[in-house]
Amino acid sequence: MASFLGMSQSQLKKNTSLLKNMVGGIFGGFYYNITAWQQLLYQLPFGKKTSKHITRIWAMDDAEFEKPKAKSSVIAYAMLFLNILLSFIFFKSHKKKFESTYKNVFSEYENKSFSSFSNQELIADFHKLNKDLGAKWIVPVLNGFFAFLLFSLLKKVFKKSRLRNDYPNFVNDILYSQGDVISVVIVKEFQHLVNTILSNNDLKELFNSDAETDTMKRISVDYPDFKAQFDQYISNYGERCGDGELKIETINYKENPLSFISVLKANAVGSVQSKKTERHFSYKKVIREKYKYSPFKKYILLILIKATLNRIRDRENYRFYRTKGFDLVRKIFRAMDHNLYNEELINGAGDSLYLELNELTNMDIAPDYKSIISQRKADYEIYRNKNRANRYHQKGNNFIPAETIRLENVKDKVKGIACSSGIITAEVVIINSDKIENIDISGKILAANYFEPAWINLFSKASGIISERGGLLSHTAILCRELGIPAVVGAKGILSAIQQGDRVQLNGETGEIQLIKV
């Protein structure tokens, strides 16, 4: 993005270390290097503010950082500002070109079979895909940057506005019913599939009794209309899966439709799910009333809100673009892994996942793959027994867990970020990646460290959602708002304060979670 916006080559060179270390691995886990992000943002226009606010957008504690040594000249800074302004003004054009390119690239690769490709052909195809699509990914990056700037500006304007006293949750409320959010469409179509099963007694009995393979055979023969719905869902959203959809090793629903049958079987219990109450908030009506005699302020506010909502909506939609794009990369490297195993360059299927990208795309070192993989496996065996923290501070070569909240500070109430209104009192079910299927969640409040984008089946039955991580713009918050599920995110310490089966009262308007002692 810095290059696209016109940062000079000399300054890019000074920032090489930061650009190469925006993400990294700690004890086998994938982490963002927040300091690198802050120091890079600091060098862009509005950087003094955005470098501090980024932690709040990501629902983190404030993080101090040293100001970067690299600085732009006055002229270079002015050019960066001008390019950001022009990119914003002409963003609709950039967006249209990107989405057209994405559609063309996806059409080219979607049904491509890589099973007969040699390793060199697969590497060439990966580089081509990276050039055709990866190099154009500047639009989602810019969109995220603009969403960040606009949302921060909106919150600042709101604090000084006449809306604050009468509508304290105004910024949250305007995020309801953005429309055209793909993740919400996915959940609603999933709910439609489940309700189709529950409204047909024979189909319901089939999903509650037969094994996955038998169920698939039966619906293909006896329920062609439902099978057509099922196939359409897989075709449109099959890159999703139960867990880890951005991992090469993950088998998604397109690759194994039986796994989606399992998800439907787990949800095809009880009666037809009632539609949750959708909350509508007319921010335009509120602004027109409050600024009846201030047309200029009214106009500016309406433009700012509309621009913010558009960027937030696209931010969520581009996440699914990322999932579908990653699936193309997965196919290439899955085929390469198959080749390497057949050529006896690796000892087992999946071993190539222990190689870094520059190693995997360099066939000159292929004879060394087995020894490299052996060492990495030994490293990851050590990592397996480590409890990784959510955040670390780096001191020299050591990583020290960042203390976020002490258990003794949590008594009978936890405060998080209110993101979807409603007050619910219910039993809590604690969710993790090892426990998302075959559990009774109907009418219960779900609590987790975070919610994977693919855990859509959980949202269709839950009465409330609590996430220890996340912010107002997180995937979880957006889904809950659109589906009318009371929710609190960024509830630090909640998993230390509750146990499986506890009862809590969740207030999605204030962000408070009251622990109910029996």
Protein backbone atom coordinates (compact mmCIF):
# COMPACT_ATOMS: atom_id res chain seq x y z
CA MET A 1 0.00 0.00 0.00
CA ALA A 2 2.85 2.38 0.84
CA SER A 3 4.29 1.89 -2.64
CA PHE A 4 0.88 2.36 -4.28
CA LEU A 5 0.41 5.63 -2.38
CA GLY A 6 3.77 6.91 -3.58
CA MET A 7 6.17 6.36 -0.68
CA SER A 8 9.66 6.96 -2.05
CA GLN A 9 11.97 4.05 -2.81
CA SER A 10 14.52 5.34 -0.32
CA GLN A 11 11.93 5.40 2.46
CA LEU A 12 10.63 1.97 1.48
CA LYS A 13 14.19 0.70 1.73
CA LYS A 14 14.55 2.19 5.22
CA ASN A 15 11.35 0.38 6.19
CA THR A 16 12.35 -3.00 4.76
CA SER A 17 12.72 -4.56 8.20
CA LEU A 18 9.27 -3.37 9.30
CA LEU A 19 7.59 -4.45 6.06
CA LYS A 20 9.10 -7.93 6.34
CA ASN A 21 8.08 -8.32 9.97
CA MET A 22 4.43 -7.21 10.03
CA VAL A 23 3.53 -10.81 10.89
CA GLY A 24 5.56 -13.65 12.30
CA GLY A 25 5.61 -16.93 14.17
CA ILE A 26 5.94 -17.36 17.94
CA PHE A 27 6.08 -20.90 19.34
CA GLY A 28 4.34 -22.20 16.21
CA GLY A 29 1.56 -19.59 16.29
CA PHE A 30 0.82 -16.78 13.83
CA TYR A 31 0.97 -13.25 15.26
CA TYR A 32 0.72 -9.66 14.08
CA ASN A 33 3.70 -7.49 14.98
CA ILE A 34 1.73 -4.51 16.29
CA THR A 35 4.81 -2.32 16.69
CA ALA A 36 5.70 -2.73 13.00
CA TRP A 37 2.16 -1.76 11.99
CA GLN A 38 2.21 1.27 14.27
CA GLN A 39 5.59 2.50 13.06
CA LEU A 40 4.54 2.16 9.41
CA LEU A 41 1.19 3.89 9.97
CA TYR A 42 2.98 6.68 11.82
CA GLN A 43 4.80 7.63 8.60
CA LEU A 44 1.57 8.07 6.62
CA PRO A 45 -0.75 11.09 6.74
CA PHE A 46 -2.89 11.03 9.91
CA GLY A 47 -0.26 8.64 11.29
CA LYS A 48 0.09 10.17 14.76
CA LYS A 49 -3.57 9.36 15.40
CA THR A 50 -4.00 6.11 13.47
CA SER A 51 -0.87 4.51 14.93
CA LYS A 52 -2.40 4.90 18.40
CA HIS A 53 -5.97 4.04 17.45
CA ILE A 54 -5.21 0.81 15.59
CA THR A 55 -4.97 -1.11 18.86
CA ARG A 56 -8.44 0.10 19.85
CA ILE A 57 -9.90 -0.89 16.48
CA TRP A 58 -8.41 -4.36 17.07
CA ALA A 59 -9.85 -4.34 20.64
CA MET A 60 -6.41 -4.43 22.25
CA ASP A 61 -4.90 -2.54 25.13
CA ASP A 62 -3.01 0.60 24.15
CA ALA A 63 0.55 -0.22 23.10
CA GLU A 64 3.47 2.18 23.36
CA PHE A 65 6.03 2.20 20.55
CA GLU A 66 9.14 4.08 19.53
CA LYS A 67 8.69 6.59 16.76
CA PRO A 68 10.23 5.29 13.52
CA LYS A 69 13.56 6.65 12.38
CA ALA A 70 12.45 6.84 8.75
CA LYS A 71 10.65 10.10 7.94
CA SER A 72 9.19 11.62 4.80
CA SER A 73 10.27 15.01 3.54
CA VAL A 74 7.64 17.74 3.45
CA ILE A 75 7.19 17.27 -0.30
CA ALA A 76 7.04 13.45 -0.04
CA TYR A 77 4.52 13.72 2.81
CA ALA A 78 2.38 16.10 0.74
CA MET A 79 2.46 13.64 -2.17
CA LEU A 80 1.37 10.81 0.11
CA PHE A 81 -1.52 12.92 1.36
CA LEU A 82 -2.56 13.82 -2.19
CA ASN A 83 -2.40 10.18 -3.32
CA ILE A 84 -4.51 9.04 -0.34
CA LEU A 85 -7.07 11.72 -1.18
CA LEU A 86 -7.15 10.75 -4.87
CA SER A 87 -7.39 7.05 -4.00
CA PHE A 88 -10.36 7.81 -1.78
CA ILE A 89 -12.09 9.98 -4.39
CA PHE A 90 -11.62 7.39 -7.14
CA PHE A 91 -12.00 4.35 -4.90
CA LYS A 92 -15.21 3.26 -6.61
CA SER A 93 -13.28 2.96 -9.88
CA HIS A 94 -10.43 1.00 -8.21
CA LYS A 95 -13.01 -1.27 -6.57
CA LYS A 96 -14.79 -1.98 -9.84
CA LYS A 97 -11.53 -2.90 -11.60
CA PHE A 98 -10.41 -5.16 -8.76
CA GLU A 99 -13.70 -7.04 -8.54
CA SER A 100 -13.71 -7.53 -12.31
CA THR A 101 -10.14 -8.87 -12.17
CA TYR A 102 -11.02 -11.13 -9.25
CA LYS A 103 -14.01 -12.54 -11.11
CA ASN A 104 -11.92 -13.27 -14.21
CA VAL A 105 -9.06 -14.87 -12.27
CA PHE A 106 -11.42 -16.96 -10.18
CA SER A 107 -13.25 -18.17 -13.31
CA GLU A 108 -9.91 -19.20 -14.81
CA TYR A 109 -8.73 -21.18 -11.78
CA GLU A 110 -11.93 -22.37 -10.08
CA ASN A 111 -12.44 -25.57 -12.07
CA LYS A 112 -8.81 -26.08 -13.01
CA SER A 113 -7.44 -29.52 -12.18
CA PHE A 114 -3.83 -29.50 -11.04
CA SER A 115 -3.50 -33.27 -10.62
CA SER A 116 -1.48 -33.73 -13.82
CA PHE A 117 0.76 -30.68 -13.35
CA SER A 118 4.48 -31.01 -12.69
CA ASN A 119 6.04 -29.19 -9.75
CA GLN A 120 7.53 -26.55 -12.03
CA GLU A 121 4.15 -25.99 -13.69
CA LEU A 122 2.51 -25.65 -10.28
CA ILE A 123 5.13 -23.14 -9.15
CA ALA A 124 4.64 -21.17 -12.38
CA ASP A 125 0.87 -21.18 -11.86
CA PHE A 126 1.29 -19.96 -8.29
CA HIS A 127 3.47 -17.05 -9.41
CA LYS A 128 0.96 -16.21 -12.15
CA LEU A 129 -1.91 -16.29 -9.67
CA ASN A 130 0.07 -14.10 -7.29
CA LYS A 131 0.76 -11.62 -10.09
CA ASP A 132 -2.79 -11.62 -11.46
CA LEU A 133 -4.56 -11.42 -8.11
CA GLY A 134 -2.16 -10.95 -5.21
CA ALA A 135 -0.58 -7.85 -6.74
CA LYS A 136 -4.07 -6.36 -7.20
CA TRP A 137 -5.01 -6.94 -3.55
CA ILE A 138 -4.26 -3.28 -2.87
CA VAL A 139 -8.00 -2.52 -3.10
CA PRO A 140 -9.02 -4.62 -0.05
CA VAL A 141 -6.01 -3.20 1.82
CA LEU A 142 -6.97 0.37 0.92
CA ASN A 143 -10.59 -0.37 1.79
CA GLY A 144 -9.53 -1.54 5.25
CA PHE A 145 -7.38 1.57 5.69
CA PHE A 146 -10.25 3.86 4.70
CA ALA A 147 -12.68 1.97 6.96
CA PHE A 148 -10.24 2.50 9.82
CA LEU A 149 -9.84 6.24 9.10
CA LEU A 150 -13.54 6.89 8.58
CA PHE A 151 -14.69 4.92 11.62
CA SER A 152 -12.14 6.69 13.84
CA LEU A 153 -13.25 10.06 12.45
CA LEU A 154 -16.92 9.20 12.94
CA LYS A 155 -16.38 8.32 16.61
CA LYS A 156 -14.46 11.57 17.13
CA VAL A 157 -17.20 13.64 15.46
CA PHE A 158 -19.89 11.85 17.48
CA LYS A 159 -18.22 12.69 20.81
CA LYS A 160 -18.53 16.39 19.98
CA SER A 161 -21.99 16.18 18.44
CA ARG A 162 -25.45 16.97 19.83
CA LEU A 163 -26.33 13.28 19.35
CA ARG A 164 -24.23 12.07 22.26
CA ASN A 165 -26.66 12.66 25.13
CA ASP A 166 -29.85 11.34 23.53
CA TYR A 167 -28.24 8.54 21.52
CA PRO A 168 -25.18 7.27 23.45
CA ASN A 169 -25.02 4.10 21.29
CA PHE A 170 -25.43 5.97 18.01
CA VAL A 171 -22.14 4.78 16.46
CA ASN A 172 -23.02 1.17 17.26
CA ASP A 173 -26.63 1.53 16.15
CA ILE A 174 -25.80 2.84 12.67
CA LEU A 175 -23.93 -0.40 11.99
CA TYR A 176 -27.21 -2.36 11.95
CA SER A 177 -28.63 -3.59 8.66
CA GLN A 178 -25.81 -2.55 6.35
CA GLY A 179 -27.14 -4.92 3.68
CA ASP A 180 -25.24 -6.96 1.08
CA VAL A 181 -22.90 -8.50 3.68
CA ILE A 182 -21.90 -11.91 2.31
CA SER A 183 -21.27 -13.52 5.71
CA VAL A 184 -24.84 -12.71 6.73
CA VAL A 185 -26.20 -14.14 3.47
CA ILE A 186 -24.26 -17.35 4.16
CA VAL A 187 -25.80 -17.70 7.63
CA LYS A 188 -29.31 -17.01 6.37
CA GLU A 189 -28.99 -19.56 3.57
CA PHE A 190 -27.67 -22.08 6.07
CA GLN A 191 -30.69 -21.39 8.28
CA HIS A 192 -32.93 -21.91 5.25
CA LEU A 193 -31.38 -25.34 4.63
CA VAL A 194 -31.86 -26.33 8.27
CA ASN A 195 -35.46 -25.11 8.31
CA THR A 196 -36.18 -27.03 5.10
CA ILE A 197 -35.07 -30.20 6.89
CA LEU A 198 -37.01 -29.42 10.06
CA SER A 199 -40.24 -28.63 8.18
CA ASN A 200 -40.24 -32.02 6.41
CA ASN A 201 -40.72 -34.92 8.86
CA ASP A 202 -39.29 -37.55 6.50
CA LEU A 203 -36.23 -35.44 5.70
CA LYS A 204 -35.76 -34.65 9.38
CA GLU A 205 -35.90 -38.34 10.29
CA LEU A 206 -33.34 -39.09 7.57
CA PHE A 207 -30.88 -36.52 8.95
CA ASN A 208 -31.43 -37.74 12.51
CA SER A 209 -30.88 -41.42 11.80
CA ASP A 210 -28.79 -42.32 8.75
CA ALA A 211 -25.02 -42.03 8.44
CA GLU A 212 -23.57 -39.23 6.29
CA THR A 213 -22.92 -41.40 3.23
CA ASP A 214 -26.41 -42.91 3.35
CA THR A 215 -27.97 -39.49 3.87
CA MET A 216 -26.17 -38.13 0.81
CA LYS A 217 -27.36 -41.04 -1.33
CA ARG A 218 -30.95 -40.71 -0.12
CA ILE A 219 -31.28 -36.97 -0.70
CA SER A 220 -29.80 -37.38 -4.19
CA VAL A 221 -32.54 -39.87 -5.10
CA ASP A 222 -35.55 -38.99 -2.95
CA TYR A 223 -35.21 -35.24 -2.35
CA PRO A 224 -33.98 -33.63 -5.60
CA ASP A 225 -35.20 -30.14 -4.68
CA PHE A 226 -33.33 -30.17 -1.38
CA LYS A 227 -30.26 -31.67 -3.09
CA ALA A 228 -30.32 -28.77 -5.55
CA GLN A 229 -30.34 -26.30 -2.61
CA PHE A 230 -27.52 -28.24 -0.96
CA ASP A 231 -25.40 -28.26 -4.13
CA GLN A 232 -25.99 -24.56 -4.71
CA TYR A 233 -24.84 -23.76 -1.18
CA ILE A 234 -21.67 -25.83 -1.62
CA SER A 235 -21.01 -24.21 -5.00
CA ASN A 236 -21.38 -20.69 -3.62
CA TYR A 237 -19.80 -21.05 -0.18
CA GLY A 238 -18.04 -24.42 -0.09
CA GLU A 239 -14.64 -22.83 0.53
CA ARG A 240 -15.87 -22.40 4.08
CA CYS A 241 -15.30 -25.19 6.58
CA GLY A 242 -15.65 -25.94 10.24
CA ASP A 243 -12.27 -24.63 11.34
CA GLY A 244 -9.11 -23.12 9.89
CA GLU A 245 -10.32 -22.06 6.46
CA LEU A 246 -7.03 -20.22 5.86
CA LYS A 247 -4.88 -23.30 6.36
CA ILE A 248 -3.47 -25.38 3.51
CA GLU A 249 -4.22 -28.65 5.31
CA THR A 250 -7.90 -27.87 5.90
CA ILE A 251 -10.46 -29.91 3.94
CA ASN A 252 -13.38 -27.64 3.06
CA TYR A 253 -16.98 -28.44 2.14
CA LYS A 254 -16.27 -28.42 -1.60
CA GLU A 255 -13.62 -31.09 -1.15
CA ASN A 256 -15.70 -33.12 1.28
CA PRO A 257 -19.46 -32.38 1.08
CA LEU A 258 -20.07 -35.14 3.64
CA SER A 259 -18.56 -32.87 6.30
CA PHE A 260 -21.31 -30.36 5.55
CA ILE A 261 -23.89 -33.15 5.86
CA SER A 262 -22.48 -33.67 9.37
CA VAL A 263 -22.99 -29.99 10.18
CA LEU A 264 -26.58 -30.13 8.95
CA LYS A 265 -27.22 -33.31 10.97
CA ALA A 266 -25.95 -31.59 14.12
CA ASN A 267 -28.35 -28.69 13.54
CA ALA A 268 -31.40 -30.60 12.28
CA VAL A 269 -32.85 -31.10 15.74
CA GLY A 270 -35.83 -29.53 17.46
CA SER A 271 -38.39 -27.47 15.58
CA VAL A 272 -38.21 -24.89 12.82
CA GLN A 273 -36.03 -22.03 14.00
CA SER A 274 -37.95 -18.83 14.56
CA LYS A 275 -36.64 -15.75 12.88
CA LYS A 276 -34.74 -13.53 15.29
CA THR A 277 -35.94 -9.98 15.71
CA GLU A 278 -34.13 -7.69 13.34
CA ARG A 279 -33.30 -4.29 14.74
CA HIS A 280 -33.64 -1.28 12.46
CA PHE A 281 -32.21 2.12 13.28
CA SER A 282 -32.94 5.08 11.02
CA TYR A 283 -29.86 7.25 11.53
CA LYS A 284 -31.05 9.53 8.71
CA LYS A 285 -34.27 10.31 10.58
CA VAL A 286 -32.36 11.01 13.80
CA ILE A 287 -29.89 13.34 12.08
CA ARG A 288 -32.62 15.21 10.23
CA GLU A 289 -34.42 15.83 13.52
CA LYS A 290 -31.31 16.86 15.47
CA TYR A 291 -29.85 19.03 12.70
CA LYS A 292 -33.08 20.45 11.30
CA TYR A 293 -31.65 23.97 11.30
CA SER A 294 -28.04 23.04 10.50
CA PRO A 295 -28.19 21.79 6.89
CA PHE A 296 -24.43 21.87 6.34
CA LYS A 297 -23.64 19.77 9.45
CA LYS A 298 -26.49 17.42 8.58
CA TYR A 299 -25.14 16.95 5.05
CA ILE A 300 -21.57 16.31 6.24
CA LEU A 301 -22.71 13.79 8.85
CA LEU A 302 -24.84 11.86 6.36
CA ILE A 303 -21.96 11.69 3.86
CA LEU A 304 -19.50 10.55 6.56
CA ILE A 305 -21.84 7.81 7.82
CA LYS A 306 -22.63 6.53 4.33
CA ALA A 307 -18.94 6.39 3.38
CA THR A 308 -18.08 4.61 6.64
CA LEU A 309 -20.82 1.99 6.23
CA ASN A 310 -19.77 1.28 2.63
CA ARG A 311 -16.17 0.65 3.61
CA ILE A 312 -17.13 -1.52 6.61
CA ARG A 313 -19.49 -3.60 4.43
CA ASP A 314 -16.82 -4.10 1.76
CA ARG A 315 -14.26 -4.93 4.45
CA GLU A 316 -16.41 -7.87 5.55
CA ASN A 317 -17.14 -8.98 1.98
CA TYR A 318 -13.46 -8.92 1.03
CA ARG A 319 -12.79 -11.37 3.84
CA PHE A 320 -14.77 -13.93 1.88
CA TYR A 321 -12.89 -12.95 -1.29
CA ARG A 322 -9.75 -13.80 0.67
CA THR A 323 -11.17 -17.20 1.65
CA LYS A 324 -12.04 -18.06 -1.95
CA GLY A 325 -8.70 -16.76 -3.24
CA PHE A 326 -6.79 -18.74 -0.64
CA ASP A 327 -8.61 -21.88 -1.74
CA LEU A 328 -7.00 -21.51 -5.18
CA VAL A 329 -3.57 -21.36 -3.54
CA ARG A 330 -4.50 -24.38 -1.41
CA LYS A 331 -5.28 -26.44 -4.52
CA ILE A 332 -1.90 -25.64 -6.06
CA PHE A 333 0.14 -26.54 -2.98
CA ARG A 334 -2.00 -29.58 -2.19
CA ALA A 335 -1.17 -30.88 -5.71
CA MET A 336 2.49 -30.09 -5.16
CA ASP A 337 2.50 -31.99 -1.88
CA HIS A 338 1.03 -35.00 -3.71
CA ASN A 339 3.81 -34.82 -6.32
CA LEU A 340 6.57 -34.53 -3.74
CA TYR A 341 5.26 -37.54 -1.86
CA ASN A 342 5.04 -39.64 -5.04
CA GLU A 343 8.57 -38.58 -5.98
CA GLU A 344 9.73 -39.60 -2.46
CA LEU A 345 11.07 -36.11 -1.77
CA ILE A 346 9.00 -36.03 1.44
CA ASN A 347 8.20 -38.90 3.81
CA GLY A 348 4.47 -38.40 4.20
CA ALA A 349 1.47 -36.65 2.72
CA GLY A 350 1.22 -33.14 4.16
CA ASP A 351 4.90 -32.92 5.08
CA SER A 352 5.42 -30.05 2.63
CA LEU A 353 3.45 -27.84 5.04
CA TYR A 354 6.56 -27.69 7.20
CA LEU A 355 8.45 -25.89 4.41
CA GLU A 356 8.53 -22.14 3.97
CA LEU A 357 7.27 -20.63 0.72
CA ASN A 358 10.72 -19.76 -0.60
CA GLU A 359 11.84 -23.35 0.12
CA LEU A 360 8.81 -24.98 -1.48
CA THR A 361 9.15 -22.92 -4.66
CA ASN A 362 12.86 -23.67 -4.97
CA MET A 363 13.21 -27.18 -6.36
CA ASP A 364 17.01 -26.91 -6.28
CA ILE A 365 16.92 -27.68 -2.56
CA ALA A 366 14.35 -30.49 -2.89
CA PRO A 367 16.92 -33.15 -1.87
CA ASP A 368 17.16 -31.37 1.51
CA TYR A 369 13.40 -31.32 2.13
CA LYS A 370 13.34 -34.39 4.38
CA SER A 371 16.00 -33.09 6.75
CA ILE A 372 14.41 -29.61 6.91
CA ILE A 373 11.00 -31.12 7.61
CA SER A 374 12.39 -33.45 10.27
CA GLN A 375 13.82 -30.49 12.21
CA ARG A 376 10.61 -28.48 11.86
CA LYS A 377 8.53 -31.41 13.11
CA ALA A 378 10.75 -31.62 16.17
CA ASP A 379 10.28 -27.88 16.78
CA TYR A 380 6.51 -28.11 16.46
CA GLU A 381 6.39 -31.08 18.83
CA ILE A 382 7.86 -28.74 21.45
CA TYR A 383 5.38 -25.98 20.53
CA ARG A 384 2.48 -28.42 20.87
CA ASN A 385 2.88 -28.50 24.65
CA LYS A 386 3.05 -24.72 25.03
CA ASN A 387 0.07 -22.63 26.06
CA ARG A 388 0.39 -19.64 23.75
CA ALA A 389 -0.66 -16.22 25.03
CA ASN A 390 -2.87 -13.88 23.00
CA ARG A 391 -0.13 -11.27 23.02
CA TYR A 392 3.60 -11.11 23.69
CA HIS A 393 6.15 -8.40 24.39
CA GLN A 394 9.52 -8.97 22.74
CA LYS A 395 12.64 -8.22 24.74
CA GLY A 396 15.73 -9.11 22.78
CA ASN A 397 15.20 -12.67 21.60
CA ASN A 398 12.70 -13.45 24.35
CA PHE A 399 8.91 -13.34 24.11
CA ILE A 400 7.11 -12.46 27.34
CA PRO A 401 3.32 -12.98 27.58
CA ALA A 402 1.44 -9.70 27.84
CA GLU A 403 -0.71 -9.62 30.95
CA THR A 404 -4.18 -8.49 29.91
CA ILE A 405 -6.31 -8.95 33.02
CA ARG A 406 -5.95 -10.58 36.40
CA LEU A 407 -8.49 -13.17 37.52
CA GLU A 408 -8.74 -11.58 40.97
CA ASN A 409 -9.98 -8.38 39.32
CA VAL A 410 -12.96 -10.28 37.91
CA LYS A 411 -15.67 -10.59 40.58
CA ASP A 412 -19.22 -10.92 39.41
CA LYS A 413 -19.21 -8.63 36.40
CA VAL A 414 -17.15 -8.39 33.21
CA LYS A 415 -17.25 -5.39 30.89
CA GLY A 416 -16.73 -5.73 27.16
CA ILE A 417 -17.71 -3.88 24.00
CA ALA A 418 -21.45 -3.71 23.37
CA CYS A 419 -22.02 -4.56 19.73
CA SER A 420 -25.57 -5.95 19.39
CA SER A 421 -28.39 -4.83 21.66
CA GLY A 422 -30.57 -7.07 23.79
CA ILE A 423 -30.56 -8.48 27.32
CA ILE A 424 -30.37 -12.26 27.68
CA THR A 425 -30.08 -14.47 30.76
CA ALA A 426 -29.10 -18.04 29.96
CA GLU A 427 -26.69 -20.90 30.47
CA VAL A 428 -23.22 -20.49 28.99
CA VAL A 429 -21.60 -22.94 26.59
CA ILE A 430 -17.85 -22.38 26.20
CA ILE A 431 -16.73 -23.06 22.63
CA ASN A 432 -13.31 -23.87 21.20
CA SER A 433 -12.07 -25.40 17.95
CA ASP A 434 -12.17 -28.89 19.46
CA LYS A 435 -15.76 -28.52 20.58
CA ILE A 436 -18.08 -27.10 17.93
CA GLU A 437 -20.16 -30.06 16.85
CA ASN A 438 -22.67 -32.36 18.55
CA ILE A 439 -23.27 -29.99 21.44
CA ASP A 440 -26.57 -28.57 22.63
CA ILE A 441 -26.45 -24.81 22.06
CA SER A 442 -30.12 -24.04 21.46
CA GLY A 443 -31.17 -20.98 23.43
CA LYS A 444 -27.82 -20.72 25.19
CA ILE A 445 -25.17 -18.03 25.34
CA LEU A 446 -21.97 -19.02 23.55
CA ALA A 447 -18.62 -17.82 24.89
CA ALA A 448 -15.26 -18.20 23.18
CA ASN A 449 -11.83 -16.64 22.96
CA TYR A 450 -12.80 -15.81 19.38
CA PHE A 451 -15.23 -17.13 16.78
CA GLU A 452 -13.96 -18.58 13.52
CA PRO A 453 -15.70 -17.12 10.42
CA ALA A 454 -16.82 -20.62 9.46
CA TRP A 455 -18.67 -21.35 12.71
CA ILE A 456 -21.87 -20.10 11.09
CA ASN A 457 -23.96 -23.01 12.40
CA LEU A 458 -23.41 -21.76 15.94
CA PHE A 459 -25.02 -18.39 15.29
CA SER A 460 -28.25 -19.88 13.98
CA LYS A 461 -29.28 -21.30 17.38
CA ALA A 462 -27.52 -19.18 20.00
CA SER A 463 -29.48 -16.71 22.10
CA GLY A 464 -26.38 -14.62 22.78
CA ILE A 465 -22.67 -14.38 21.96
CA ILE A 466 -19.68 -13.45 24.12
CA SER A 467 -16.20 -13.17 22.61
CA GLU A 468 -13.09 -12.49 24.65
CA ARG A 469 -11.51 -10.86 21.61
CA GLY A 470 -12.84 -8.58 18.89
CA GLY A 471 -14.18 -5.07 18.38
CA LEU A 472 -17.15 -3.25 16.87
CA LEU A 473 -15.93 -4.04 13.35
CA SER A 474 -15.01 -7.67 13.96
CA HIS A 475 -16.62 -10.48 11.99
CA THR A 476 -18.47 -11.70 15.08
CA ALA A 477 -19.90 -8.25 15.84
CA ILE A 478 -21.10 -7.73 12.28
CA LEU A 479 -22.82 -11.12 12.14
CA CYS A 480 -24.56 -10.69 15.48
CA ARG A 481 -25.85 -7.23 14.59
CA GLU A 482 -27.22 -8.36 11.24
CA LEU A 483 -28.83 -11.49 12.73
CA GLY A 484 -30.26 -9.72 15.76
CA ILE A 485 -28.28 -11.75 18.32
CA PRO A 486 -27.38 -9.89 21.55
CA ALA A 487 -23.60 -9.86 21.79
CA VAL A 488 -20.59 -8.51 23.66
CA VAL A 489 -17.06 -8.70 22.23
CA GLY A 490 -13.69 -7.79 23.71
CA ALA A 491 -14.82 -9.20 27.08
CA LYS A 492 -11.35 -9.70 28.51
CA GLY A 493 -11.12 -12.23 31.32
CA ILE A 494 -14.56 -13.74 30.75
CA LEU A 495 -13.25 -17.25 30.14
CA SER A 496 -11.35 -17.12 33.41
CA ALA A 497 -14.45 -15.95 35.26
CA ILE A 498 -16.97 -18.52 34.00
CA GLN A 499 -17.23 -22.27 33.73
CA GLN A 500 -19.22 -24.54 31.45
CA GLY A 501 -22.89 -24.40 32.40
CA ASP A 502 -22.76 -21.18 34.44
CA ARG A 503 -25.63 -18.73 34.06
CA VAL A 504 -24.95 -15.13 33.05
CA GLN A 505 -26.90 -12.09 32.04
CA LEU A 506 -25.59 -10.51 28.85
CA ASN A 507 -26.40 -6.88 28.10
CA GLY A 508 -25.66 -6.17 24.45
CA GLU A 509 -26.36 -2.46 24.87
CA THR A 510 -24.00 -1.68 27.75
CA GLY A 511 -21.43 -4.44 27.22
CA GLU A 512 -21.88 -5.77 30.76
CA ILE A 513 -21.91 -9.48 31.56
CA GLN A 514 -23.32 -10.27 34.99
CA LEU A 515 -22.28 -13.59 36.55
CA ILE A 516 -25.24 -15.19 38.30
CA LYS A 517 -24.25 -17.15 41.37
CA VAL A 518 -26.49 -20.09 42.22
